Amino acid sequence: MDNKIQGLIIHWTASGSKTTVEDIRGWHKAKGWRDIGYHRVILHPDSIAEISLLKWYHLVKEGRELDDDLYLEIGEEGAHAKGFNKSHIGICVVGNTNYTMHPLQKVALRETCRTLLTRFKLAPNTIKLHREVNQTACPGEEISELIKKFRTERLA
């Protein structure tokens, strides 16, 4: 099988802080895609009103489903980075350059990367920025700096 998971690709929505998974799914379906393009979405706390003691894991939502093997089968393949959808897991952070990441989003991104690296037996240097694989500004400077730091840490 040639769809072995080779890494993670980090994105941002370039949208407002109240963006939800359902919003993103709607945008992607409007493009003719069958579902949301990302495997995980990290929300901004502004989009979650009902939780009084918010923890980082409340921000992490599933996009496209992933099973527990090391491959992206049909149905699990993403639609997030041209040329890499069959080999990389897409993680998207709700945000844009008009505001800074919430501290819980930073923890959620780190822990989501750590969890997926461990689950799929990947090294931290397999985390890529969308702009490293396609011509785009995504995921912005703040997330890019965090990912550069994550690559040098022992996440897994």
N, C-alpha and C. Protein backbone atom coordinates (compact mmCIF):
# COMPACT_ATOMS: atom_id res chain seq x y z
N MET A 1 0.85 -1.18 0.00
CA MET A 1 0.00 0.00 0.00
C MET A 1 0.90 1.24 0.00
N ASP A 2 0.63 2.21 -0.85
CA ASP A 2 1.51 3.36 -0.98
C ASP A 2 0.98 4.63 -0.29
N ASN A 3 -0.05 4.52 0.49
CA ASN A 3 -0.60 5.69 1.17
C ASN A 3 -0.21 5.73 2.64
N LYS A 4 1.02 5.31 2.94
CA LYS A 4 1.49 5.33 4.32
C LYS A 4 1.57 6.78 4.81
N ILE A 5 1.14 7.01 6.03
CA ILE A 5 1.18 8.35 6.61
C ILE A 5 2.63 8.74 6.83
N GLN A 6 3.02 9.87 6.24
CA GLN A 6 4.41 10.32 6.29
C GLN A 6 4.60 11.55 7.16
N GLY A 7 3.53 12.21 7.56
CA GLY A 7 3.69 13.40 8.39
C GLY A 7 2.39 14.16 8.58
N LEU A 8 2.54 15.33 9.19
CA LEU A 8 1.43 16.23 9.46
C LEU A 8 1.66 17.52 8.69
N ILE A 9 0.58 18.15 8.22
CA ILE A 9 0.68 19.46 7.60
C ILE A 9 -0.24 20.41 8.36
N ILE A 10 0.33 21.55 8.76
CA ILE A 10 -0.38 22.50 9.60
C ILE A 10 -0.91 23.67 8.75
N HIS A 11 -2.16 24.02 9.01
CA HIS A 11 -2.87 25.07 8.27
C HIS A 11 -3.52 26.03 9.26
N TRP A 12 -4.06 27.11 8.72
CA TRP A 12 -4.95 27.99 9.47
C TRP A 12 -6.14 28.30 8.58
N THR A 13 -7.20 28.78 9.18
CA THR A 13 -8.42 29.04 8.41
C THR A 13 -8.41 30.40 7.71
N ALA A 14 -7.60 31.34 8.21
CA ALA A 14 -7.64 32.72 7.71
C ALA A 14 -9.07 33.26 7.83
N SER A 15 -9.67 33.00 8.98
CA SER A 15 -11.06 33.40 9.23
C SER A 15 -11.20 33.93 10.65
N GLY A 16 -12.39 34.31 11.00
CA GLY A 16 -12.67 34.85 12.32
C GLY A 16 -12.59 33.81 13.42
N SER A 17 -12.50 34.29 14.64
CA SER A 17 -12.30 33.41 15.79
C SER A 17 -13.52 32.56 16.15
N LYS A 18 -14.67 32.87 15.60
CA LYS A 18 -15.88 32.08 15.90
C LYS A 18 -16.15 31.01 14.85
N THR A 19 -15.21 30.79 13.94
CA THR A 19 -15.36 29.76 12.90
C THR A 19 -15.47 28.38 13.53
N THR A 20 -16.38 27.57 13.03
CA THR A 20 -16.61 26.22 13.55
C THR A 20 -16.22 25.17 12.49
N VAL A 21 -16.20 23.92 12.91
CA VAL A 21 -15.95 22.81 11.98
C VAL A 21 -17.05 22.78 10.92
N GLU A 22 -18.27 23.06 11.32
CA GLU A 22 -19.39 23.05 10.37
C GLU A 22 -19.22 24.14 9.32
N ASP A 23 -18.70 25.31 9.73
CA ASP A 23 -18.42 26.38 8.76
C ASP A 23 -17.42 25.90 7.72
N ILE A 24 -16.33 25.33 8.19
CA ILE A 24 -15.26 24.86 7.29
C ILE A 24 -15.79 23.77 6.37
N ARG A 25 -16.54 22.84 6.95
CA ARG A 25 -17.12 21.75 6.14
C ARG A 25 -18.00 22.35 5.03
N GLY A 26 -18.78 23.35 5.36
CA GLY A 26 -19.64 24.01 4.37
C GLY A 26 -18.83 24.67 3.26
N TRP A 27 -17.74 25.36 3.62
CA TRP A 27 -16.88 25.99 2.61
C TRP A 27 -16.31 24.94 1.66
N HIS A 28 -15.86 23.83 2.23
CA HIS A 28 -15.23 22.79 1.41
C HIS A 28 -16.25 22.07 0.54
N LYS A 29 -17.42 21.80 1.07
CA LYS A 29 -18.46 21.16 0.25
C LYS A 29 -18.92 22.08 -0.87
N ALA A 30 -18.92 23.39 -0.62
CA ALA A 30 -19.29 24.36 -1.66
C ALA A 30 -18.29 24.34 -2.82
N LYS A 31 -17.06 23.89 -2.55
CA LYS A 31 -16.05 23.75 -3.61
C LYS A 31 -16.22 22.44 -4.38
N GLY A 32 -17.18 21.61 -3.94
CA GLY A 32 -17.41 20.33 -4.60
C GLY A 32 -16.69 19.17 -3.94
N TRP A 33 -16.03 19.42 -2.81
CA TRP A 33 -15.35 18.34 -2.08
C TRP A 33 -16.40 17.53 -1.34
N ARG A 34 -16.10 16.28 -1.05
CA ARG A 34 -17.08 15.42 -0.41
C ARG A 34 -17.23 15.70 1.08
N ASP A 35 -16.23 16.35 1.69
CA ASP A 35 -16.27 16.61 3.13
C ASP A 35 -15.22 17.68 3.46
N ILE A 36 -15.08 17.96 4.71
CA ILE A 36 -14.03 18.86 5.18
C ILE A 36 -12.68 18.27 4.76
N GLY A 37 -11.73 19.13 4.43
CA GLY A 37 -10.44 18.66 3.94
C GLY A 37 -9.46 18.26 5.02
N TYR A 38 -9.65 18.73 6.25
CA TYR A 38 -8.70 18.50 7.35
C TYR A 38 -9.12 17.31 8.21
N HIS A 39 -8.14 16.71 8.85
CA HIS A 39 -8.41 15.60 9.76
C HIS A 39 -8.71 16.08 11.18
N ARG A 40 -8.08 17.18 11.57
CA ARG A 40 -8.32 17.79 12.88
C ARG A 40 -8.43 19.29 12.72
N VAL A 41 -9.32 19.89 13.51
CA VAL A 41 -9.48 21.34 13.54
C VAL A 41 -9.34 21.79 14.98
N ILE A 42 -8.54 22.84 15.18
CA ILE A 42 -8.36 23.40 16.51
C ILE A 42 -9.10 24.73 16.54
N LEU A 43 -10.20 24.74 17.27
CA LEU A 43 -11.05 25.91 17.36
C LEU A 43 -10.44 27.00 18.22
N HIS A 44 -10.97 28.19 18.11
CA HIS A 44 -10.65 29.29 19.02
C HIS A 44 -11.70 29.24 20.14
N PRO A 45 -11.34 29.55 21.37
CA PRO A 45 -12.34 29.52 22.46
C PRO A 45 -13.56 30.39 22.21
N ASP A 46 -13.45 31.42 21.38
CA ASP A 46 -14.62 32.26 21.07
C ASP A 46 -15.77 31.47 20.45
N SER A 47 -15.46 30.34 19.83
CA SER A 47 -16.51 29.55 19.17
C SER A 47 -17.19 28.56 20.11
N ILE A 48 -16.72 28.49 21.35
CA ILE A 48 -17.27 27.55 22.33
C ILE A 48 -17.80 28.35 23.51
N ALA A 49 -19.11 28.45 23.61
CA ALA A 49 -19.70 29.29 24.65
C ALA A 49 -20.16 28.50 25.87
N GLU A 50 -20.48 27.22 25.68
CA GLU A 50 -21.14 26.49 26.76
C GLU A 50 -20.23 25.88 27.82
N ILE A 51 -18.94 25.94 27.66
CA ILE A 51 -18.04 25.29 28.60
C ILE A 51 -17.42 26.33 29.51
N SER A 52 -17.66 26.23 30.81
CA SER A 52 -17.15 27.24 31.73
C SER A 52 -15.69 27.01 32.09
N LEU A 53 -15.28 25.78 32.29
CA LEU A 53 -13.88 25.46 32.61
C LEU A 53 -13.23 24.85 31.37
N LEU A 54 -12.93 25.68 30.41
CA LEU A 54 -12.42 25.24 29.12
C LEU A 54 -11.01 24.66 29.25
N LYS A 55 -10.80 23.49 28.67
CA LYS A 55 -9.49 22.84 28.61
C LYS A 55 -9.06 22.77 27.14
N TRP A 56 -7.77 22.56 26.91
CA TRP A 56 -7.25 22.54 25.54
C TRP A 56 -7.95 21.51 24.68
N TYR A 57 -8.29 20.35 25.24
CA TYR A 57 -8.88 19.27 24.44
C TYR A 57 -10.31 19.57 23.99
N HIS A 58 -10.96 20.55 24.59
CA HIS A 58 -12.28 20.97 24.12
C HIS A 58 -12.19 21.67 22.76
N LEU A 59 -11.02 22.18 22.43
CA LEU A 59 -10.83 22.92 21.17
C LEU A 59 -10.54 22.02 19.99
N VAL A 60 -10.12 20.78 20.22
CA VAL A 60 -9.72 19.87 19.15
C VAL A 60 -10.93 19.09 18.66
N LYS A 61 -11.24 19.26 17.39
CA LYS A 61 -12.41 18.59 16.78
C LYS A 61 -11.97 17.73 15.61
N GLU A 62 -12.68 16.64 15.43
CA GLU A 62 -12.38 15.74 14.31
C GLU A 62 -12.96 16.31 13.02
N GLY A 63 -12.19 16.24 11.97
CA GLY A 63 -12.66 16.57 10.64
C GLY A 63 -12.90 15.25 9.92
N ARG A 64 -12.02 14.91 8.98
CA ARG A 64 -12.10 13.59 8.34
C ARG A 64 -11.64 12.54 9.33
N GLU A 65 -12.31 11.44 9.29
CA GLU A 65 -12.03 10.36 10.23
C GLU A 65 -10.71 9.67 9.89
N LEU A 66 -10.03 9.20 10.94
CA LEU A 66 -8.81 8.40 10.79
C LEU A 66 -8.97 7.11 11.56
N ASP A 67 -8.57 5.98 10.95
CA ASP A 67 -8.56 4.75 11.73
C ASP A 67 -7.18 4.61 12.38
N ASP A 68 -6.89 3.46 12.99
CA ASP A 68 -5.66 3.32 13.77
C ASP A 68 -4.48 2.74 13.01
N ASP A 69 -4.65 2.40 11.71
CA ASP A 69 -3.49 1.87 11.01
C ASP A 69 -2.62 3.02 10.49
N LEU A 70 -1.53 2.70 9.86
CA LEU A 70 -0.55 3.69 9.45
C LEU A 70 -0.75 4.20 8.02
N TYR A 71 -1.95 3.98 7.47
CA TYR A 71 -2.22 4.32 6.08
C TYR A 71 -3.46 5.18 5.95
N LEU A 72 -3.51 6.01 4.91
CA LEU A 72 -4.69 6.79 4.59
C LEU A 72 -5.43 6.09 3.46
N GLU A 73 -6.46 5.34 3.82
CA GLU A 73 -7.26 4.65 2.82
C GLU A 73 -8.22 5.64 2.17
N ILE A 74 -8.86 5.20 1.08
CA ILE A 74 -9.89 6.02 0.44
C ILE A 74 -10.93 6.33 1.51
N GLY A 75 -11.33 7.56 1.58
CA GLY A 75 -12.26 8.00 2.62
C GLY A 75 -11.54 8.70 3.76
N GLU A 76 -10.27 8.38 3.95
CA GLU A 76 -9.47 9.05 4.98
C GLU A 76 -8.56 10.11 4.38
N GLU A 77 -8.30 10.01 3.09
CA GLU A 77 -7.41 10.98 2.44
C GLU A 77 -7.96 12.39 2.62
N GLY A 78 -7.07 13.32 2.89
CA GLY A 78 -7.49 14.70 3.10
C GLY A 78 -7.67 15.45 1.80
N ALA A 79 -8.03 16.72 1.94
CA ALA A 79 -8.11 17.66 0.83
C ALA A 79 -7.59 18.99 1.38
N HIS A 80 -6.30 19.01 1.68
CA HIS A 80 -5.73 20.17 2.37
C HIS A 80 -4.41 20.67 1.80
N ALA A 81 -3.68 19.84 1.08
CA ALA A 81 -2.39 20.27 0.52
C ALA A 81 -2.12 19.47 -0.75
N LYS A 82 -2.28 20.12 -1.88
CA LYS A 82 -2.13 19.45 -3.18
C LYS A 82 -0.81 18.69 -3.24
N GLY A 83 -0.92 17.42 -3.62
CA GLY A 83 0.25 16.56 -3.74
C GLY A 83 0.61 15.82 -2.46
N PHE A 84 -0.06 16.14 -1.35
CA PHE A 84 0.26 15.54 -0.06
C PHE A 84 -0.95 14.95 0.65
N ASN A 85 -2.11 14.99 0.03
CA ASN A 85 -3.34 14.54 0.68
C ASN A 85 -3.38 13.04 0.95
N LYS A 86 -2.66 12.26 0.17
CA LYS A 86 -2.66 10.81 0.34
C LYS A 86 -1.59 10.32 1.31
N SER A 87 -0.78 11.25 1.82
CA SER A 87 0.33 10.83 2.67
C SER A 87 0.47 11.65 3.96
N HIS A 88 -0.30 12.69 4.12
CA HIS A 88 -0.15 13.56 5.28
C HIS A 88 -1.50 13.88 5.93
N ILE A 89 -1.48 13.99 7.23
CA ILE A 89 -2.66 14.35 8.02
C ILE A 89 -2.72 15.87 8.09
N GLY A 90 -3.90 16.43 7.82
CA GLY A 90 -4.09 17.87 7.86
C GLY A 90 -4.66 18.34 9.19
N ILE A 91 -3.98 19.30 9.80
CA ILE A 91 -4.44 19.92 11.04
C ILE A 91 -4.63 21.40 10.76
N CYS A 92 -5.80 21.93 11.08
CA CYS A 92 -6.09 23.33 10.81
C CYS A 92 -6.42 24.06 12.10
N VAL A 93 -5.78 25.21 12.29
CA VAL A 93 -6.04 26.07 13.45
C VAL A 93 -6.92 27.23 12.99
N VAL A 94 -8.00 27.47 13.73
CA VAL A 94 -8.85 28.62 13.43
C VAL A 94 -8.09 29.88 13.81
N GLY A 95 -7.90 30.76 12.83
CA GLY A 95 -7.18 31.99 13.13
C GLY A 95 -6.78 32.74 11.87
N ASN A 96 -6.25 33.93 12.09
CA ASN A 96 -5.71 34.75 11.01
C ASN A 96 -4.75 35.77 11.62
N THR A 97 -4.20 36.62 10.80
CA THR A 97 -3.19 37.56 11.29
C THR A 97 -3.78 38.76 12.04
N ASN A 98 -5.10 38.85 12.13
CA ASN A 98 -5.74 39.96 12.84
C ASN A 98 -5.78 39.78 14.35
N TYR A 99 -5.47 38.60 14.83
CA TYR A 99 -5.43 38.37 16.28
C TYR A 99 -4.43 37.26 16.57
N THR A 100 -3.94 37.23 17.80
CA THR A 100 -2.97 36.21 18.17
C THR A 100 -3.69 34.94 18.62
N MET A 101 -2.97 33.86 18.57
CA MET A 101 -3.54 32.59 19.02
C MET A 101 -3.85 32.66 20.51
N HIS A 102 -4.93 32.05 20.89
CA HIS A 102 -5.26 31.93 22.30
C HIS A 102 -4.27 30.93 22.91
N PRO A 103 -3.84 31.14 24.16
CA PRO A 103 -2.90 30.19 24.79
C PRO A 103 -3.38 28.73 24.76
N LEU A 104 -4.69 28.52 24.89
CA LEU A 104 -5.19 27.14 24.83
C LEU A 104 -5.05 26.55 23.43
N GLN A 105 -5.13 27.38 22.40
CA GLN A 105 -4.92 26.88 21.04
C GLN A 105 -3.48 26.40 20.87
N LYS A 106 -2.54 27.12 21.46
CA LYS A 106 -1.13 26.72 21.37
C LYS A 106 -0.93 25.36 22.02
N VAL A 107 -1.52 25.17 23.19
CA VAL A 107 -1.41 23.87 23.88
C VAL A 107 -2.11 22.80 23.05
N ALA A 108 -3.30 23.12 22.53
CA ALA A 108 -4.05 22.15 21.73
C ALA A 108 -3.27 21.74 20.48
N LEU A 109 -2.62 22.68 19.82
CA LEU A 109 -1.83 22.35 18.63
C LEU A 109 -0.67 21.45 19.00
N ARG A 110 0.04 21.79 20.06
CA ARG A 110 1.17 20.97 20.50
C ARG A 110 0.72 19.56 20.86
N GLU A 111 -0.32 19.46 21.64
CA GLU A 111 -0.79 18.14 22.11
C GLU A 111 -1.39 17.32 20.97
N THR A 112 -2.06 17.98 20.03
CA THR A 112 -2.60 17.26 18.87
C THR A 112 -1.46 16.71 18.03
N CYS A 113 -0.44 17.52 17.79
CA CYS A 113 0.73 17.04 17.06
C CYS A 113 1.38 15.88 17.80
N ARG A 114 1.60 16.04 19.09
CA ARG A 114 2.24 15.00 19.90
C ARG A 114 1.44 13.70 19.82
N THR A 115 0.14 13.79 19.99
CA THR A 115 -0.71 12.60 19.97
C THR A 115 -0.66 11.90 18.62
N LEU A 116 -0.77 12.66 17.54
CA LEU A 116 -0.75 12.05 16.20
C LEU A 116 0.62 11.50 15.84
N LEU A 117 1.69 12.19 16.23
CA LEU A 117 3.04 11.67 15.98
C LEU A 117 3.23 10.33 16.68
N THR A 118 2.79 10.24 17.91
CA THR A 118 2.91 8.99 18.67
C THR A 118 2.03 7.90 18.05
N ARG A 119 0.79 8.23 17.79
CA ARG A 119 -0.18 7.25 17.25
C ARG A 119 0.29 6.66 15.92
N PHE A 120 0.88 7.49 15.06
CA PHE A 120 1.27 7.03 13.73
C PHE A 120 2.78 6.83 13.58
N LYS A 121 3.49 6.80 14.73
CA LYS A 121 4.92 6.49 14.76
C LYS A 121 5.74 7.41 13.85
N LEU A 122 5.55 8.72 14.05
CA LEU A 122 6.22 9.72 13.23
C LEU A 122 7.17 10.55 14.10
N ALA A 123 8.21 11.08 13.49
CA ALA A 123 9.16 11.96 14.18
C ALA A 123 8.69 13.41 14.10
N PRO A 124 9.07 14.25 15.06
CA PRO A 124 8.67 15.67 15.03
C PRO A 124 9.09 16.40 13.75
N ASN A 125 10.18 15.97 13.12
CA ASN A 125 10.61 16.65 11.90
C ASN A 125 9.70 16.34 10.70
N THR A 126 8.67 15.52 10.89
CA THR A 126 7.70 15.25 9.81
C THR A 126 6.53 16.23 9.85
N ILE A 127 6.55 17.18 10.79
CA ILE A 127 5.52 18.22 10.82
C ILE A 127 5.92 19.28 9.79
N LYS A 128 5.02 19.56 8.87
CA LYS A 128 5.28 20.55 7.82
C LYS A 128 4.26 21.68 7.90
N LEU A 129 4.66 22.82 7.41
CA LEU A 129 3.76 23.95 7.26
C LEU A 129 3.17 23.89 5.85
N HIS A 130 1.93 24.29 5.70
CA HIS A 130 1.31 24.28 4.38
C HIS A 130 2.17 25.04 3.37
N ARG A 131 2.75 26.15 3.80
CA ARG A 131 3.56 26.96 2.88
C ARG A 131 4.88 26.30 2.49
N GLU A 132 5.26 25.24 3.18
CA GLU A 132 6.47 24.50 2.81
C GLU A 132 6.20 23.49 1.68
N VAL A 133 4.94 23.18 1.45
CA VAL A 133 4.62 22.18 0.42
C VAL A 133 3.80 22.76 -0.74
N ASN A 134 3.17 23.91 -0.54
CA ASN A 134 2.40 24.59 -1.58
C ASN A 134 2.65 26.09 -1.48
N GLN A 135 2.42 26.81 -2.57
CA GLN A 135 2.66 28.25 -2.57
C GLN A 135 1.49 28.97 -1.89
N THR A 136 1.73 29.38 -0.64
CA THR A 136 0.71 30.03 0.18
C THR A 136 1.40 30.69 1.38
N ALA A 137 0.71 31.60 2.04
CA ALA A 137 1.22 32.19 3.28
C ALA A 137 0.80 31.37 4.50
N CYS A 138 -0.05 30.41 4.29
CA CYS A 138 -0.59 29.56 5.36
C CYS A 138 0.55 28.74 5.99
N PRO A 139 0.62 28.67 7.29
CA PRO A 139 -0.35 29.07 8.31
C PRO A 139 -0.01 30.36 9.05
N GLY A 140 0.67 31.28 8.45
CA GLY A 140 0.99 32.52 9.13
C GLY A 140 2.23 32.39 10.02
N GLU A 141 2.73 33.53 10.47
CA GLU A 141 4.00 33.55 11.22
C GLU A 141 3.91 32.94 12.62
N GLU A 142 2.85 33.25 13.35
CA GLU A 142 2.77 32.77 14.73
C GLU A 142 2.75 31.24 14.80
N ILE A 143 1.93 30.62 13.99
CA ILE A 143 1.87 29.15 13.97
C ILE A 143 3.18 28.59 13.44
N SER A 144 3.75 29.23 12.42
CA SER A 144 5.02 28.76 11.86
C SER A 144 6.12 28.72 12.92
N GLU A 145 6.20 29.77 13.74
CA GLU A 145 7.20 29.80 14.81
C GLU A 145 6.97 28.68 15.83
N LEU A 146 5.71 28.43 16.16
CA LEU A 146 5.41 27.34 17.09
C LEU A 146 5.85 25.99 16.53
N ILE A 147 5.56 25.76 15.26
CA ILE A 147 5.90 24.47 14.64
C ILE A 147 7.41 24.31 14.58
N LYS A 148 8.13 25.35 14.27
CA LYS A 148 9.60 25.27 14.26
C LYS A 148 10.11 24.85 15.64
N LYS A 149 9.49 25.37 16.68
CA LYS A 149 9.87 24.99 18.05
C LYS A 149 9.48 23.53 18.32
N PHE A 150 8.29 23.12 17.92
CA PHE A 150 7.84 21.74 18.14
C PHE A 150 8.79 20.73 17.50
N ARG A 151 9.30 21.08 16.32
CA ARG A 151 10.19 20.15 15.59
C ARG A 151 11.46 19.84 16.38
N THR A 152 11.88 20.76 17.22
CA THR A 152 13.11 20.54 17.98
C THR A 152 12.86 19.94 19.35
N GLU A 153 11.60 19.88 19.77
CA GLU A 153 11.26 19.29 21.07
C GLU A 153 11.04 17.79 20.92
N ARG A 154 11.05 17.13 22.03
CA ARG A 154 10.72 15.71 22.02
C ARG A 154 9.22 15.60 22.28
N LEU A 155 8.41 15.69 21.22
CA LEU A 155 6.95 15.64 21.35
C LEU A 155 6.44 14.23 21.51
N ALA A 156 7.02 13.30 20.78
CA ALA A 156 6.50 11.93 20.76
C ALA A 156 7.01 11.12 21.93
